[in-house]
Every structure is written in C-alpha cells, then in structure tokens.
C-alpha cells in the first residue's frame, strides 16, 4: 500500500508538485493551492491510498521538490 499525504493548508502555490507529477497533483483555480487528486480530507490532511506501487517515484519527486515539505509518501 502507498499512502500520499498533502498538508494543503500550508501550501504556498508554487506548482512544483504538479510539474513533477501532473497525474496526482493539480492546482486549484479557487485558491491557487495544490490538490491531491482523488484524496480524502481529514482535518486539513489530504490522503490518497493506493495499491499501485508504480506511483511512488513520481510522488516522491513532488515531495522532494516541495519547498515547504508538506507532501509525505509512505510505502507499507
């Protein structure tokens, strides 16, 4: 299982995550912050759980590119 978490409240809207992984991230037209596609919100933490381990590399690139370090990628 792969778990990707985005702490959206702290997003500064730099767009790096979208540039690194446009399949899982997009920018909101409402507030200019990052959106983790198909995620579930729980108290400001947006989480995507997937059994597809092929997404790890692209999501990790987004996490490393994020200047405020609000993206976490875990494999279980």
PDB file of N, CA and C in Angstrom:
ATOM      1  N   UNK A   1       0.838  -1.181   0.000  1.00  0.00           N
ATOM      2  CA  UNK A   1       0.000   0.000   0.000  1.00  0.00           C
ATOM      3  C   UNK A   1       0.886   1.250   0.000  1.00  0.00           C
ATOM      4  N   UNK A   2       0.511   2.217  -0.794  1.00  0.00           N
ATOM      5  CA  UNK A   2       1.198   3.504  -0.862  1.00  0.00           C
ATOM      6  C   UNK A   2       0.257   4.554  -0.282  1.00  0.00           C
ATOM      7  N   UNK A   3       0.797   5.389   0.603  1.00  0.00           N
ATOM      8  CA  UNK A   3      -0.004   6.453   1.224  1.00  0.00           C
ATOM      9  C   UNK A   3       0.674   7.785   0.950  1.00  0.00           C
ATOM     10  N   UNK A   4      -0.053   8.671   0.268  1.00  0.00           N
ATOM     11  CA  UNK A   4       0.450  10.017  -0.017  1.00  0.00           C
ATOM     12  C   UNK A   4      -0.393  10.991   0.781  1.00  0.00           C
ATOM     13  N   UNK A   5       0.267  11.896   1.493  1.00  0.00           N
ATOM     14  CA  UNK A   5      -0.430  12.876   2.309  1.00  0.00           C
ATOM     15  C   UNK A   5       0.017  14.282   1.923  1.00  0.00           C
ATOM     16  N   UNK A   6      -0.954  15.175   1.795  1.00  0.00           N
ATOM     17  CA  UNK A   6      -0.698  16.582   1.473  1.00  0.00           C
ATOM     18  C   UNK A   6      -1.306  17.442   2.571  1.00  0.00           C
ATOM     19  N   UNK A   7      -0.481  18.264   3.211  1.00  0.00           N
ATOM     20  CA  UNK A   7      -0.970  19.200   4.224  1.00  0.00           C
ATOM     21  C   UNK A   7      -1.291  20.515   3.502  1.00  0.00           C
ATOM     22  N   UNK A   8      -2.468  20.555   2.913  1.00  0.00           N
ATOM     23  CA  UNK A   8      -2.850  21.602   1.969  1.00  0.00           C
ATOM     24  C   UNK A   8      -2.863  23.010   2.565  1.00  0.00           C
ATOM     25  N   UNK A   9      -3.215  23.151   3.828  1.00  0.00           N
ATOM     26  CA  UNK A   9      -3.295  24.475   4.460  1.00  0.00           C
ATOM     27  C   UNK A   9      -1.974  25.231   4.386  1.00  0.00           C
ATOM     28  N   UNK A  10      -0.859  24.514   4.364  1.00  0.00           N
ATOM     29  CA  UNK A  10       0.455  25.151   4.347  1.00  0.00           C
ATOM     30  C   UNK A  10       1.016  25.345   2.935  1.00  0.00           C
ATOM     31  N   UNK A  11       0.231  24.971   1.914  1.00  0.00           N
ATOM     32  CA  UNK A  11       0.683  25.097   0.523  1.00  0.00           C
ATOM     33  C   UNK A  11       0.869  26.571   0.162  1.00  0.00           C
ATOM     34  N   UNK A  12       1.978  26.876  -0.551  1.00  0.00           N
ATOM     35  CA  UNK A  12       2.245  28.246  -0.979  1.00  0.00           C
ATOM     36  C   UNK A  12       1.950  28.443  -2.465  1.00  0.00           C
ATOM     37  N   UNK A  13       1.475  27.398  -3.139  1.00  0.00           N
ATOM     38  CA  UNK A  13       1.070  27.521  -4.536  1.00  0.00           C
ATOM     39  C   UNK A  13       2.200  27.636  -5.534  1.00  0.00           C
ATOM     40  N   UNK A  14       3.327  27.008  -5.276  1.00  0.00           N
ATOM     41  CA  UNK A  14       4.486  27.132  -6.162  1.00  0.00           C
ATOM     42  C   UNK A  14       4.360  26.307  -7.444  1.00  0.00           C
ATOM     43  N   UNK A  15       3.498  25.283  -7.439  1.00  0.00           N
ATOM     44  CA  UNK A  15       3.209  24.450  -8.608  1.00  0.00           C
ATOM     45  C   UNK A  15       4.264  23.375  -8.891  1.00  0.00           C
ATOM     46  N   UNK A  16       5.285  23.232  -8.061  1.00  0.00           N
ATOM     47  CA  UNK A  16       6.329  22.237  -8.317  1.00  0.00           C
ATOM     48  C   UNK A  16       5.772  20.809  -8.300  1.00  0.00           C
ATOM     49  N   UNK A  17       4.849  20.526  -7.391  1.00  0.00           N
ATOM     50  CA  UNK A  17       4.299  19.171  -7.307  1.00  0.00           C
ATOM     51  C   UNK A  17       3.580  18.797  -8.602  1.00  0.00           C
ATOM     52  N   UNK A  18       2.875  19.748  -9.189  1.00  0.00           N
ATOM     53  CA  UNK A  18       2.165  19.497 -10.443  1.00  0.00           C
ATOM     54  C   UNK A  18       3.158  19.274 -11.582  1.00  0.00           C
ATOM     55  N   UNK A  19       4.230  20.044 -11.597  1.00  0.00           N
ATOM     56  CA  UNK A  19       5.247  19.872 -12.632  1.00  0.00           C
ATOM     57  C   UNK A  19       5.910  18.499 -12.545  1.00  0.00           C
ATOM     58  N   UNK A  20       6.108  17.996 -11.330  1.00  0.00           N
ATOM     59  CA  UNK A  20       6.754  16.700 -11.127  1.00  0.00           C
ATOM     60  C   UNK A  20       5.792  15.533 -11.339  1.00  0.00           C
ATOM     61  N   UNK A  21       4.501  15.718 -11.026  1.00  0.00           N
ATOM     62  CA  UNK A  21       3.535  14.617 -11.095  1.00  0.00           C
ATOM     63  C   UNK A  21       2.125  15.134 -11.401  1.00  0.00           C
ATOM     64  N   UNK A  22       1.870  15.488 -12.653  1.00  0.00           N
ATOM     65  CA  UNK A  22       0.551  16.021 -13.010  1.00  0.00           C
ATOM     66  C   UNK A  22      -0.581  14.995 -12.957  1.00  0.00           C
ATOM     67  N   UNK A  23      -0.247  13.710 -12.826  1.00  0.00           N
ATOM     68  CA  UNK A  23      -1.290  12.693 -12.709  1.00  0.00           C
ATOM     69  C   UNK A  23      -1.919  12.658 -11.316  1.00  0.00           C
ATOM     70  N   UNK A  24      -1.184  13.141 -10.308  1.00  0.00           N
ATOM     71  CA  UNK A  24      -1.681  13.075  -8.929  1.00  0.00           C
ATOM     72  C   UNK A  24      -1.889  14.441  -8.274  1.00  0.00           C
ATOM     73  N   UNK A  25      -1.337  15.489  -8.876  1.00  0.00           N
ATOM     74  CA  UNK A  25      -1.468  16.826  -8.309  1.00  0.00           C
ATOM     75  C   UNK A  25      -1.980  17.802  -9.353  1.00  0.00           C
ATOM     76  N   UNK A  26      -2.771  18.757  -8.899  1.00  0.00           N
ATOM     77  CA  UNK A  26      -3.203  19.863  -9.755  1.00  0.00           C
ATOM     78  C   UNK A  26      -3.367  21.096  -8.882  1.00  0.00           C
ATOM     79  N   UNK A  27      -3.410  22.252  -9.522  1.00  0.00           N
ATOM     80  CA  UNK A  27      -3.582  23.497  -8.783  1.00  0.00           C
ATOM     81  C   UNK A  27      -5.062  23.884  -8.788  1.00  0.00           C
ATOM     82  N   UNK A  28      -5.556  24.309  -7.639  1.00  0.00           N
ATOM     83  CA  UNK A  28      -6.945  24.741  -7.514  1.00  0.00           C
ATOM     84  C   UNK A  28      -7.132  26.098  -8.179  1.00  0.00           C
ATOM     85  N   UNK A  29      -8.179  26.217  -8.962  1.00  0.00           N
ATOM     86  CA  UNK A  29      -8.487  27.512  -9.573  1.00  0.00           C
ATOM     87  C   UNK A  29      -9.118  28.458  -8.556  1.00  0.00           C
ATOM     88  N   UNK A  30      -9.639  27.911  -7.457  1.00  0.00           N
ATOM     89  CA  UNK A  30     -10.288  28.737  -6.430  1.00  0.00           C
ATOM     90  C   UNK A  30      -9.291  29.489  -5.562  1.00  0.00           C
ATOM     91  N   UNK A  31      -8.264  28.770  -5.066  1.00  0.00           N
ATOM     92  CA  UNK A  31      -7.337  29.419  -4.130  1.00  0.00           C
ATOM     93  C   UNK A  31      -5.864  29.309  -4.524  1.00  0.00           C
ATOM     94  N   UNK A  32      -5.558  28.671  -5.651  1.00  0.00           N
ATOM     95  CA  UNK A  32      -4.178  28.593  -6.121  1.00  0.00           C
ATOM     96  C   UNK A  32      -3.297  27.622  -5.360  1.00  0.00           C
ATOM     97  N   UNK A  33      -3.902  26.754  -4.558  1.00  0.00           N
ATOM     98  CA  UNK A  33      -3.127  25.773  -3.799  1.00  0.00           C
ATOM     99  C   UNK A  33      -3.206  24.406  -4.465  1.00  0.00           C
ATOM    100  N   UNK A  34      -2.279  23.551  -4.089  1.00  0.00           N
ATOM    101  CA  UNK A  34      -2.197  22.212  -4.644  1.00  0.00           C
ATOM    102  C   UNK A  34      -3.371  21.348  -4.191  1.00  0.00           C
ATOM    103  N   UNK A  35      -3.785  20.451  -5.080  1.00  0.00           N
ATOM    104  CA  UNK A  35      -4.830  19.478  -4.787  1.00  0.00           C
ATOM    105  C   UNK A  35      -4.267  18.095  -5.091  1.00  0.00           C
ATOM    106  N   UNK A  36      -4.392  17.185  -4.138  1.00  0.00           N
ATOM    107  CA  UNK A  36      -4.014  15.792  -4.348  1.00  0.00           C
ATOM    108  C   UNK A  36      -5.246  15.089  -4.911  1.00  0.00           C
ATOM    109  N   UNK A  37      -5.175  14.711  -6.170  1.00  0.00           N
ATOM    110  CA  UNK A  37      -6.332  14.165  -6.888  1.00  0.00           C
ATOM    111  C   UNK A  37      -6.792  12.855  -6.253  1.00  0.00           C
ATOM    112  N   UNK A  38      -8.102  12.711  -6.072  1.00  0.00           N
ATOM    113  CA  UNK A  38      -8.776  11.531  -5.501  1.00  0.00           C
ATOM    114  C   UNK A  38      -8.428  11.306  -4.030  1.00  0.00           C
ATOM    115  N   UNK A  39      -8.053  12.354  -3.326  1.00  0.00           N
ATOM    116  CA  UNK A  39      -7.697  12.201  -1.916  1.00  0.00           C
ATOM    117  C   UNK A  39      -8.896  12.450  -1.013  1.00  0.00           C
ATOM    118  N   UNK A  40      -8.747  12.064   0.243  1.00  0.00           N
ATOM    119  CA  UNK A  40      -9.771  12.249   1.266  1.00  0.00           C
ATOM    120  C   UNK A  40      -9.234  13.234   2.296  1.00  0.00           C
ATOM    121  N   UNK A  41     -10.044  14.217   2.668  1.00  0.00           N
ATOM    122  CA  UNK A  41      -9.633  15.235   3.636  1.00  0.00           C
ATOM    123  C   UNK A  41      -9.974  14.795   5.059  1.00  0.00           C
ATOM    124  N   UNK A  42      -9.002  14.904   5.937  1.00  0.00           N
ATOM    125  CA  UNK A  42      -9.213  14.664   7.363  1.00  0.00           C
ATOM    126  C   UNK A  42      -8.446  15.733   8.126  1.00  0.00           C
ATOM    127  N   UNK A  43      -9.147  16.769   8.550  1.00  0.00           N
ATOM    128  CA  UNK A  43      -8.576  17.862   9.346  1.00  0.00           C
ATOM    129  C   UNK A  43      -7.407  18.557   8.646  1.00  0.00           C
ATOM    130  N   UNK A  44      -7.556  18.833   7.359  1.00  0.00           N
ATOM    131  CA  UNK A  44      -6.530  19.556   6.621  1.00  0.00           C
ATOM    132  C   UNK A  44      -5.445  18.688   6.016  1.00  0.00           C
ATOM    133  N   UNK A  45      -5.474  17.398   6.294  1.00  0.00           N
ATOM    134  CA  UNK A  45      -4.530  16.460   5.696  1.00  0.00           C
ATOM    135  C   UNK A  45      -5.262  15.666   4.624  1.00  0.00           C
ATOM    136  N   UNK A  46      -4.835  15.827   3.394  1.00  0.00           N
ATOM    137  CA  UNK A  46      -5.461  15.136   2.265  1.00  0.00           C
ATOM    138  C   UNK A  46      -4.658  13.884   1.978  1.00  0.00           C
ATOM    139  N   UNK A  47      -5.321  12.728   2.009  1.00  0.00           N
ATOM    140  CA  UNK A  47      -4.635  11.446   1.919  1.00  0.00           C
ATOM    141  C   UNK A  47      -5.163  10.625   0.751  1.00  0.00           C
ATOM    142  N   UNK A  48      -4.225  10.051   0.022  1.00  0.00           N
ATOM    143  CA  UNK A  48      -4.541   9.138  -1.068  1.00  0.00           C
ATOM    144  C   UNK A  48      -3.884   7.806  -0.742  1.00  0.00           C
ATOM    145  N   UNK A  49      -4.693   6.747  -0.731  1.00  0.00           N
ATOM    146  CA  UNK A  49      -4.164   5.402  -0.509  1.00  0.00           C
ATOM    147  C   UNK A  49      -4.309   4.621  -1.804  1.00  0.00           C
ATOM    148  N   UNK A  50      -3.236   3.938  -2.195  1.00  0.00           N
ATOM    149  CA  UNK A  50      -3.241   3.198  -3.450  1.00  0.00           C
ATOM    150  C   UNK A  50      -2.440   1.916  -3.312  1.00  0.00           C
ATOM    151  N   UNK A  51      -2.910   0.884  -3.986  1.00  0.00           N
ATOM    152  CA  UNK A  51      -2.177  -0.383  -4.024  1.00  0.00           C
ATOM    153  C   UNK A  51      -1.160  -0.387  -5.163  1.00  0.00           C
ATOM    154  N   UNK A  52      -1.171   0.656  -5.976  1.00  0.00           N
ATOM    155  CA  UNK A  52      -0.290   0.769  -7.136  1.00  0.00           C
ATOM    156  C   UNK A  52       1.058   1.370  -6.728  1.00  0.00           C
ATOM    157  N   UNK A  53       2.065   0.527  -6.599  1.00  0.00           N
ATOM    158  CA  UNK A  53       3.385   0.984  -6.157  1.00  0.00           C
ATOM    159  C   UNK A  53       4.161   1.725  -7.243  1.00  0.00           C
ATOM    160  N   UNK A  54       3.647   1.756  -8.461  1.00  0.00           N
ATOM    161  CA  UNK A  54       4.340   2.474  -9.537  1.00  0.00           C
ATOM    162  C   UNK A  54       4.222   3.991  -9.372  1.00  0.00           C
ATOM    163  N   UNK A  55       3.347   4.466  -8.499  1.00  0.00           N
ATOM    164  CA  UNK A  55       3.175   5.910  -8.298  1.00  0.00           C
ATOM    165  C   UNK A  55       4.201   6.500  -7.336  1.00  0.00           C
ATOM    166  N   UNK A  56       4.931   5.663  -6.644  1.00  0.00           N
ATOM    167  CA  UNK A  56       5.865   6.118  -5.611  1.00  0.00           C
ATOM    168  C   UNK A  56       6.918   7.078  -6.167  1.00  0.00           C
ATOM    169  N   UNK A  57       7.538   6.712  -7.262  1.00  0.00           N
ATOM    170  CA  UNK A  57       8.641   7.524  -7.793  1.00  0.00           C
ATOM    171  C   UNK A  57       8.185   8.940  -8.144  1.00  0.00           C
ATOM    172  N   UNK A  58       7.085   9.073  -8.852  1.00  0.00           N
ATOM    173  CA  UNK A  58       6.612  10.403  -9.255  1.00  0.00           C
ATOM    174  C   UNK A  58       6.140  11.220  -8.048  1.00  0.00           C
ATOM    175  N   UNK A  59       5.488  10.568  -7.109  1.00  0.00           N
ATOM    176  CA  UNK A  59       5.038  11.279  -5.903  1.00  0.00           C
ATOM    177  C   UNK A  59       6.218  11.702  -5.032  1.00  0.00           C
ATOM    178  N   UNK A  60       7.253  10.879  -4.970  1.00  0.00           N
ATOM    179  CA  UNK A  60       8.452  11.253  -4.216  1.00  0.00           C
ATOM    180  C   UNK A  60       9.163  12.439  -4.860  1.00  0.00           C
ATOM    181  N   UNK A  61       9.155  12.517  -6.192  1.00  0.00           N
ATOM    182  CA  UNK A  61       9.730  13.684  -6.872  1.00  0.00           C
ATOM    183  C   UNK A  61       8.980  14.949  -6.452  1.00  0.00           C
ATOM    184  N   UNK A  62       7.664  14.860  -6.361  1.00  0.00           N
ATOM    185  CA  UNK A  62       6.867  16.009  -5.920  1.00  0.00           C
ATOM    186  C   UNK A  62       7.202  16.384  -4.493  1.00  0.00           C
ATOM    187  N   UNK A  63       7.333  15.383  -3.629  1.00  0.00           N
ATOM    188  CA  UNK A  63       7.655  15.637  -2.223  1.00  0.00           C
ATOM    189  C   UNK A  63       9.017  16.318  -2.080  1.00  0.00           C
ATOM    190  N   UNK A  64       9.994  15.870  -2.845  1.00  0.00           N
ATOM    191  CA  UNK A  64      11.335  16.458  -2.776  1.00  0.00           C
ATOM    192  C   UNK A  64      11.370  17.872  -3.343  1.00  0.00           C
ATOM    193  N   UNK A  65      10.540  18.137  -4.349  1.00  0.00           N
ATOM    194  CA  UNK A  65      10.516  19.459  -4.980  1.00  0.00           C
ATOM    195  C   UNK A  65       9.779  20.501  -4.145  1.00  0.00           C
ATOM    196  N   UNK A  66       8.923  20.067  -3.245  1.00  0.00           N
ATOM    197  CA  UNK A  66       8.099  20.981  -2.444  1.00  0.00           C
ATOM    198  C   UNK A  66       8.971  21.803  -1.481  1.00  0.00           C
ATOM    199  N   UNK A  67       8.977  23.136  -1.629  1.00  0.00           N
ATOM    200  CA  UNK A  67       9.837  23.957  -0.768  1.00  0.00           C
ATOM    201  C   UNK A  67       9.359  24.041   0.687  1.00  0.00           C
ATOM    202  N   UNK A  68       8.085  23.765   0.942  1.00  0.00           N
ATOM    203  CA  UNK A  68       7.582  23.829   2.325  1.00  0.00           C
ATOM    204  C   UNK A  68       7.400  22.433   2.937  1.00  0.00           C
ATOM    205  N   UNK A  69       7.779  21.393   2.192  1.00  0.00           N
ATOM    206  CA  UNK A  69       7.812  19.999   2.689  1.00  0.00           C
ATOM    207  C   UNK A  69       6.485  19.561   3.301  1.00  0.00           C
ATOM    208  N   UNK A  70       5.403  19.696   2.531  1.00  0.00           N
ATOM    209  CA  UNK A  70       4.065  19.330   3.024  1.00  0.00           C
ATOM    210  C   UNK A  70       3.525  18.064   2.368  1.00  0.00           C
ATOM    211  N   UNK A  71       4.352  17.372   1.589  1.00  0.00           N
ATOM    212  CA  UNK A  71       3.949  16.130   0.932  1.00  0.00           C
ATOM    213  C   UNK A  71       4.742  14.995   1.543  1.00  0.00           C
ATOM    214  N   UNK A  72       4.030  13.961   1.972  1.00  0.00           N
ATOM    215  CA  UNK A  72       4.662  12.779   2.573  1.00  0.00           C
ATOM    216  C   UNK A  72       4.264  11.551   1.783  1.00  0.00           C
ATOM    217  N   UNK A  73       5.231  10.719   1.443  1.00  0.00           N
ATOM    218  CA  UNK A  73       4.977   9.474   0.711  1.00  0.00           C
ATOM    219  C   UNK A  73       5.479   8.317   1.568  1.00  0.00           C
ATOM    220  N   UNK A  74       4.580   7.360   1.829  1.00  0.00           N
ATOM    221  CA  UNK A  74       4.956   6.190   2.631  1.00  0.00           C
ATOM    222  C   UNK A  74       4.526   4.921   1.896  1.00  0.00           C
ATOM    223  N   UNK A  75       5.358   3.915   1.985  1.00  0.00           N
ATOM    224  CA  UNK A  75       5.014   2.584   1.463  1.00  0.00           C
ATOM    225  C   UNK A  75       4.905   1.623   2.639  1.00  0.00           C
ATOM    226  N   UNK A  76       3.859   0.804   2.609  1.00  0.00           N
ATOM    227  CA  UNK A  76       3.685  -0.185   3.673  1.00  0.00           C
ATOM    228  C   UNK A  76       3.615  -1.568   3.082  1.00  0.00           C
TER     229      UNK A  76
END
